Amino acid sequence: MSIREVTEQWEARRLSAFACPAARSRGREREEIPCETRTCFQRDRDRIVHSKAFRRLQGKTQVYIAPEGDHFRTRLTHTLEVAQVARTLARSLDLNEDLTEAIALGHDLGHTPFGHIGERSLNELMAGGFRHNEQSRRVVERLERDGQGLNLTLEVRDGILHHSGNGFPMTMEGQCVRRADRIAYLNHDLDDALRGGILRPFEIPSDCLRVLGQTHSARINTMILDIVEHSRDTDTLQMSPTVEQAMDALRDFMFEHVYRDSWRAAEEVRCDHVIKTLFEYFCVHPAEMPEEFMVISYQEGTERGVCDYLSGMTDRYAIRLFLRLFVPEGFPAIK
């Protein structure tokens, strides 16, 4: 018996009836020979971690654009925090941690440079709109491995797509990531806002703190424990009305004072200008894009190829490219 088969038997004995064991996966679009040591979900996790899109997350904005401080979150550290929270939920509810981790690590692969500012810009430019969760699925299905995709299981692809937006995950593990995403970003964005001087501690609504906790770790712990307590023996993750209302109130506060506040206005205008100017330029000059995106432009239309190219950029790459294309260089000194 292989190591993978031993793991699959352990899952069959140990996991909840609401979990998705690897042996019951609906499989991949292209059939593959099973791995001797890893389950299908463990292979998916490894493929995501080794992908180019995953490595680029370290250079993409979470809230603060190209921050100079070493301790502000990036899209990569956000992803790791989501994975940690989601795995804690899965472990506590006897769900499949490997599936949960794979979804969490892949959920933001399609995020744009400049965070939600870039997402909004591309949404305005693309005829069918742009949503980062849909682009994340496109990354793993179409863009990675020179257009071959990662050939992930259906459950992982579904969880990536439905970690946000109107749809709902097909697995409890996908629900863990959807919940963990909100838990992580609310708490770490609040932490970064305090670190960056955007907020001061006394400005945080006292009603929220009274329910959720006075510290970063206490608030995360409250949210996780509440979900675990109210989600046993059910196929839907739930929170108590008290904690959920406090969490929603904190989210409303963050949108008003951090995500949409005036301190970001000037930077948003500049980021929007960079994205839109690059988009217009490459729609006219698609041959200047890397070959893989030229192929997409030929097969699926120029705007689609340009959108895929821009959405994959890191903040600094987009800025450097903009400077190279549109800002004159000084005449070099005579040697």
Protein backbone atom coordinates (compact mmCIF):
# COMPACT_ATOMS: atom_id res chain seq x y z
CA MET A 1 0.00 0.00 0.00
CA SER A 2 1.38 3.44 -0.97
CA ILE A 3 1.79 6.36 1.41
CA ARG A 4 -0.99 8.15 -0.44
CA GLU A 5 -3.37 5.23 0.07
CA VAL A 6 -2.54 5.11 3.77
CA THR A 7 -3.37 8.83 4.01
CA GLU A 8 -6.62 8.33 2.15
CA GLN A 9 -7.64 5.53 4.52
CA TRP A 10 -6.79 7.74 7.51
CA GLU A 11 -9.00 10.49 6.07
CA ALA A 12 -11.88 8.04 5.61
CA ARG A 13 -11.69 7.07 9.30
CA ARG A 14 -10.94 10.48 10.80
CA LEU A 15 -12.66 13.22 8.83
CA SER A 16 -16.17 14.53 9.41
CA ALA A 17 -19.05 13.33 7.28
CA PHE A 18 -19.19 16.90 5.93
CA ALA A 19 -15.54 16.87 4.83
CA CYS A 20 -14.22 16.17 1.34
CA PRO A 21 -11.68 13.32 1.50
CA ALA A 22 -9.13 13.19 -1.29
CA ALA A 23 -10.39 9.78 -2.41
CA ARG A 24 -13.79 11.34 -3.18
CA SER A 25 -12.43 14.19 -5.31
CA ARG A 26 -14.23 14.73 -8.60
CA GLY A 27 -10.83 14.80 -10.26
CA ARG A 28 -9.00 16.93 -12.78
CA GLU A 29 -9.82 18.10 -16.29
CA ARG A 30 -6.92 15.98 -17.58
CA GLU A 31 -6.41 12.59 -15.94
CA GLU A 32 -3.05 11.92 -14.29
CA ILE A 33 -1.33 8.94 -12.72
CA PRO A 34 -1.79 9.27 -8.93
CA CYS A 35 1.25 10.22 -6.86
CA GLU A 36 2.71 7.51 -4.63
CA THR A 37 3.22 9.81 -1.64
CA ARG A 38 0.74 12.69 -1.95
CA THR A 39 -3.02 12.88 -2.22
CA CYS A 40 -4.53 14.88 -5.08
CA PHE A 41 -5.11 17.89 -2.80
CA GLN A 42 -1.54 17.78 -1.49
CA ARG A 43 -0.29 17.82 -5.09
CA ASP A 44 -2.51 20.82 -5.82
CA ARG A 45 -1.08 22.67 -2.84
CA ASP A 46 2.46 21.99 -4.00
CA ARG A 47 1.74 23.08 -7.56
CA ILE A 48 0.35 26.38 -6.33
CA VAL A 49 3.32 27.06 -4.05
CA HIS A 50 5.76 26.40 -6.91
CA SER A 51 3.86 28.56 -9.43
CA LYS A 52 5.14 31.87 -10.74
CA ALA A 53 1.88 33.58 -9.81
CA PHE A 54 2.34 32.59 -6.16
CA ARG A 55 5.85 34.06 -6.05
CA ARG A 56 4.60 37.33 -7.53
CA LEU A 57 2.22 37.81 -4.60
CA GLN A 58 5.12 39.13 -2.53
CA GLY A 59 5.26 42.19 -4.79
CA LYS A 60 1.53 42.98 -4.84
CA THR A 61 -0.34 45.46 -2.66
CA GLN A 62 -2.63 44.38 0.15
CA VAL A 63 -3.71 47.88 1.26
CA TYR A 64 -0.54 49.99 1.22
CA ILE A 65 1.07 50.58 -2.17
CA ALA A 66 4.77 49.58 -2.26
CA PRO A 67 5.21 50.28 1.47
CA GLU A 68 8.71 51.13 2.67
CA GLY A 69 8.18 49.60 6.12
CA ASP A 70 9.18 45.95 6.47
CA HIS A 71 6.16 44.90 8.53
CA PHE A 72 3.20 45.90 6.36
CA ARG A 73 1.29 43.04 4.75
CA THR A 74 1.62 42.19 1.10
CA ARG A 75 -0.71 39.97 -0.89
CA LEU A 76 1.59 37.05 -0.06
CA THR A 77 1.54 37.54 3.71
CA HIS A 78 -2.23 38.00 3.50
CA THR A 79 -2.46 34.66 1.70
CA LEU A 80 -0.39 32.93 4.37
CA GLU A 81 -2.54 34.39 7.15
CA VAL A 82 -5.70 33.24 5.37
CA ALA A 83 -4.22 29.74 5.07
CA GLN A 84 -3.40 29.69 8.79
CA VAL A 85 -6.90 30.76 9.85
CA ALA A 86 -8.59 28.44 7.35
CA ARG A 87 -6.53 25.44 8.46
CA THR A 88 -7.38 26.13 12.10
CA LEU A 89 -11.07 26.13 11.21
CA ALA A 90 -10.71 22.93 9.18
CA ARG A 91 -8.76 21.13 11.88
CA SER A 92 -11.24 22.12 14.56
CA LEU A 93 -14.17 20.85 12.50
CA ASP A 94 -12.44 17.64 11.28
CA LEU A 95 -12.38 18.83 7.68
CA ASN A 96 -9.69 18.25 5.08
CA GLU A 97 -6.75 20.54 5.90
CA ASP A 98 -4.91 19.78 2.65
CA LEU A 99 -7.84 20.83 0.49
CA THR A 100 -8.39 23.90 2.67
CA GLU A 101 -4.74 24.93 2.43
CA ALA A 102 -4.61 24.48 -1.36
CA ILE A 103 -7.66 26.71 -1.83
CA ALA A 104 -6.29 29.33 0.56
CA LEU A 105 -2.87 29.48 -1.08
CA GLY A 106 -4.43 29.88 -4.51
CA HIS A 107 -7.34 32.18 -3.72
CA ASP A 108 -5.62 35.49 -4.66
CA LEU A 109 -3.33 34.39 -7.50
CA GLY A 110 -5.29 36.57 -9.92
CA HIS A 111 -5.11 39.77 -7.92
CA THR A 112 -3.91 42.86 -9.75
CA PRO A 113 -1.07 45.26 -8.97
CA PHE A 114 -2.18 48.01 -6.56
CA GLY A 115 -4.75 45.71 -4.92
CA HIS A 116 -8.41 46.55 -5.32
CA ILE A 117 -7.50 49.82 -7.06
CA GLY A 118 -6.10 47.83 -9.97
CA GLU A 119 -9.07 45.47 -9.88
CA ARG A 120 -11.47 48.39 -10.16
CA SER A 121 -9.50 49.87 -13.06
CA LEU A 122 -9.52 46.64 -15.06
CA ASN A 123 -13.19 46.12 -14.24
CA GLU A 124 -13.91 49.45 -15.94
CA LEU A 125 -11.71 48.65 -18.94
CA MET A 126 -12.85 45.11 -19.72
CA ALA A 127 -16.13 44.73 -21.59
CA GLY A 128 -17.21 41.81 -19.42
CA GLY A 129 -15.77 43.29 -16.24
CA PHE A 130 -12.93 41.97 -14.11
CA ARG A 131 -13.11 40.15 -10.77
CA HIS A 132 -9.99 38.89 -9.06
CA ASN A 133 -11.58 35.60 -7.95
CA GLU A 134 -12.41 34.75 -11.56
CA GLN A 135 -8.90 35.74 -12.64
CA SER A 136 -7.43 33.52 -9.92
CA ARG A 137 -9.25 30.56 -11.40
CA ARG A 138 -8.06 31.59 -14.87
CA VAL A 139 -4.47 31.68 -13.63
CA VAL A 140 -4.56 28.05 -12.49
CA GLU A 141 -6.63 26.82 -15.44
CA ARG A 142 -5.12 28.77 -18.33
CA LEU A 143 -2.14 31.00 -17.61
CA GLU A 144 0.36 28.98 -15.57
CA ARG A 145 2.82 26.57 -17.19
CA ASP A 146 2.94 28.48 -20.47
CA GLY A 147 -0.78 28.22 -21.08
CA GLN A 148 -1.25 24.63 -19.87
CA GLY A 149 -2.56 25.55 -16.42
CA LEU A 150 -1.88 23.60 -13.23
CA ASN A 151 -4.60 20.99 -13.88
CA LEU A 152 -5.94 21.25 -10.32
CA THR A 153 -8.84 19.28 -8.92
CA LEU A 154 -12.37 20.59 -9.30
CA GLU A 155 -12.74 21.17 -5.55
CA VAL A 156 -9.69 23.45 -5.39
CA ARG A 157 -10.69 25.40 -8.50
CA ASP A 158 -14.22 25.82 -7.14
CA GLY A 159 -12.92 27.06 -3.78
CA ILE A 160 -10.62 29.58 -5.45
CA LEU A 161 -13.47 30.93 -7.58
CA HIS A 162 -15.96 31.15 -4.73
CA HIS A 163 -13.75 32.54 -1.96
CA SER A 164 -15.52 35.85 -2.68
CA GLY A 165 -18.36 37.11 -4.84
CA ASN A 166 -21.93 35.89 -5.18
CA GLY A 167 -21.26 32.18 -5.60
CA PHE A 168 -20.89 29.70 -2.76
CA PRO A 169 -18.22 27.00 -2.38
CA MET A 170 -19.17 23.40 -3.08
CA THR A 171 -17.16 22.13 -0.08
CA MET A 172 -16.96 22.96 3.61
CA GLU A 173 -13.24 23.47 3.07
CA GLY A 174 -14.03 26.19 0.56
CA GLN A 175 -16.32 27.79 3.12
CA CYS A 176 -13.42 27.82 5.61
CA VAL A 177 -11.33 29.85 3.17
CA ARG A 178 -14.19 32.23 2.41
CA ARG A 179 -14.63 32.91 6.14
CA ALA A 180 -10.88 33.00 6.81
CA ASP A 181 -10.30 35.58 4.07
CA ARG A 182 -12.56 38.08 5.81
CA ILE A 183 -11.23 37.26 9.27
CA ALA A 184 -7.65 37.73 8.09
CA TYR A 185 -8.01 40.94 6.11
CA LEU A 186 -10.16 42.74 8.67
CA ASN A 187 -7.71 42.05 11.45
CA HIS A 188 -4.41 42.50 9.65
CA ASP A 189 -5.58 45.59 7.76
CA LEU A 190 -6.62 47.10 11.09
CA ASP A 191 -3.20 46.20 12.50
CA ASP A 192 -1.45 47.83 9.52
CA ALA A 193 -3.66 50.93 9.75
CA LEU A 194 -2.62 51.38 13.37
CA ARG A 195 1.05 50.78 12.49
CA GLY A 196 0.88 53.29 9.64
CA GLY A 197 -0.82 56.00 11.70
CA ILE A 198 -3.99 55.92 9.61
CA LEU A 199 -5.98 55.00 12.72
CA ARG A 200 -5.40 55.51 16.41
CA PRO A 201 -6.51 52.91 18.96
CA PHE A 202 -9.21 55.08 20.54
CA GLU A 203 -10.92 55.48 17.13
CA ILE A 204 -11.84 51.79 16.84
CA PRO A 205 -15.54 51.33 17.77
CA SER A 206 -15.72 50.28 21.40
CA ASP A 207 -18.80 48.12 20.79
CA CYS A 208 -16.78 45.98 18.35
CA LEU A 209 -13.86 45.67 20.74
CA ARG A 210 -16.13 44.72 23.61
CA VAL A 211 -17.44 41.72 21.66
CA LEU A 212 -14.39 40.75 19.58
CA GLY A 213 -11.50 41.58 21.89
CA GLN A 214 -9.01 44.33 22.61
CA THR A 215 -6.02 42.84 20.77
CA HIS A 216 -5.27 41.50 17.30
CA SER A 217 -4.91 37.90 18.48
CA ALA A 218 -7.97 38.10 20.75
CA ARG A 219 -10.19 39.24 17.87
CA ILE A 220 -9.03 36.44 15.57
CA ASN A 221 -9.50 33.90 18.37
CA THR A 222 -13.03 35.15 19.09
CA MET A 223 -14.09 34.83 15.46
CA ILE A 224 -12.59 31.35 15.02
CA LEU A 225 -14.02 29.95 18.24
CA ASP A 226 -17.45 31.36 17.46
CA ILE A 227 -17.52 29.71 14.03
CA VAL A 228 -16.35 26.38 15.44
CA GLU A 229 -18.94 26.48 18.22
CA HIS A 230 -21.84 27.20 15.86
CA SER A 231 -20.79 25.02 12.91
CA ARG A 232 -20.47 21.50 14.33
CA ASP A 233 -22.76 18.86 12.85
CA THR A 234 -23.82 21.12 10.00
CA ASP A 235 -22.82 21.56 6.35
CA THR A 236 -22.65 25.37 6.54
CA LEU A 237 -20.24 27.51 8.53
CA GLN A 238 -22.12 29.86 10.83
CA MET A 239 -21.44 32.57 13.40
CA SER A 240 -23.54 33.77 16.33
CA PRO A 241 -25.57 36.92 15.60
CA THR A 242 -23.62 38.85 18.24
CA VAL A 243 -20.17 38.14 16.81
CA GLU A 244 -21.27 38.42 13.20
CA GLN A 245 -22.85 41.82 13.81
CA ALA A 246 -19.70 43.05 15.56
CA MET A 247 -17.59 41.75 12.68
CA ASP A 248 -19.83 43.47 10.10
CA ALA A 249 -19.67 46.71 12.08
CA LEU A 250 -15.87 46.51 12.13
CA ARG A 251 -15.87 45.91 8.36
CA ASP A 252 -18.09 48.97 7.80
CA PHE A 253 -15.73 51.01 9.97
CA MET A 254 -12.71 49.83 7.96
CA PHE A 255 -14.33 50.70 4.65
CA GLU A 256 -15.18 54.18 5.86
CA HIS A 257 -11.89 55.02 7.58
CA VAL A 258 -9.28 52.94 5.75
CA TYR A 259 -10.34 51.43 2.43
CA ARG A 260 -12.27 54.47 1.11
CA ASP A 261 -10.86 57.31 3.18
CA SER A 262 -9.32 60.46 1.69
CA TRP A 263 -5.73 59.46 2.56
CA ARG A 264 -5.83 57.02 -0.37
CA ALA A 265 -7.45 59.33 -2.93
CA ALA A 266 -4.30 60.75 -4.50
CA GLU A 267 -2.60 57.37 -4.72
CA GLU A 268 -5.72 55.79 -6.22
CA VAL A 269 -5.77 58.37 -9.01
CA ARG A 270 -2.11 57.70 -9.81
CA CYS A 271 -2.50 53.91 -9.75
CA ASP A 272 -5.62 54.11 -11.90
CA HIS A 273 -3.71 56.25 -14.40
CA VAL A 274 -0.85 53.73 -14.59
CA ILE A 275 -3.16 50.77 -15.22
CA LYS A 276 -5.35 52.53 -17.79
CA THR A 277 -2.42 54.04 -19.66
CA LEU A 278 -0.63 50.69 -19.88
CA PHE A 279 -3.85 48.99 -20.96
CA GLU A 280 -4.40 51.47 -23.78
CA TYR A 281 -0.78 51.25 -24.88
CA PHE A 282 -0.64 47.48 -25.16
CA CYS A 283 -4.01 47.30 -26.88
CA VAL A 284 -2.35 49.35 -29.64
CA HIS A 285 1.03 47.58 -29.38
CA PRO A 286 0.23 43.95 -28.43
CA ALA A 287 3.41 42.71 -30.13
CA GLU A 288 5.44 44.36 -27.35
CA MET A 289 4.01 41.98 -24.74
CA PRO A 290 5.72 38.68 -23.89
CA GLU A 291 4.97 35.92 -26.39
CA GLU A 292 2.55 34.02 -24.14
CA PHE A 293 0.23 37.05 -23.97
CA MET A 294 0.55 37.69 -27.70
CA VAL A 295 -0.77 34.15 -28.21
CA ILE A 296 -3.72 34.85 -25.90
CA SER A 297 -4.41 38.09 -27.79
CA TYR A 298 -4.53 36.13 -31.05
CA GLN A 299 -6.71 33.35 -29.63
CA GLU A 300 -9.05 35.28 -27.32
CA GLY A 301 -8.78 38.93 -28.34
CA THR A 302 -6.31 41.71 -27.66
CA GLU A 303 -8.08 43.05 -24.56
CA ARG A 304 -8.04 39.61 -22.94
CA GLY A 305 -4.31 39.22 -23.54
CA VAL A 306 -3.56 42.71 -22.23
CA CYS A 307 -5.73 42.14 -19.16
CA ASP A 308 -3.92 38.88 -18.35
CA TYR A 309 -0.55 40.61 -18.78
CA LEU A 310 -1.40 43.59 -16.57
CA SER A 311 -3.19 41.64 -13.84
CA GLY A 312 -0.16 39.43 -13.35
CA MET A 313 2.24 42.34 -12.77
CA THR A 314 3.64 43.28 -9.39
CA ASP A 315 3.31 46.88 -8.24
CA ARG A 316 6.94 47.73 -8.91
CA TYR A 317 7.00 46.05 -12.32
CA ALA A 318 3.96 48.06 -13.44
CA ILE A 319 5.55 51.28 -12.19
CA ARG A 320 8.91 50.54 -13.84
CA LEU A 321 7.20 49.66 -17.13
CA PHE A 322 5.16 52.86 -17.02
CA LEU A 323 8.31 54.91 -16.40
CA ARG A 324 10.17 53.20 -19.23
CA LEU A 325 7.36 53.75 -21.71
CA PHE A 326 6.16 57.24 -20.80
CA VAL A 327 8.78 59.12 -18.80
CA PRO A 328 11.77 60.56 -20.73
CA GLU A 329 15.22 59.51 -19.60
CA GLY A 330 17.88 62.14 -19.01
CA PHE A 331 20.56 62.51 -21.68
CA PRO A 332 23.63 60.59 -20.47
CA ALA A 333 26.73 62.55 -19.53
CA ILE A 334 29.61 62.44 -22.00
CA LYS A 335 32.31 60.13 -20.71
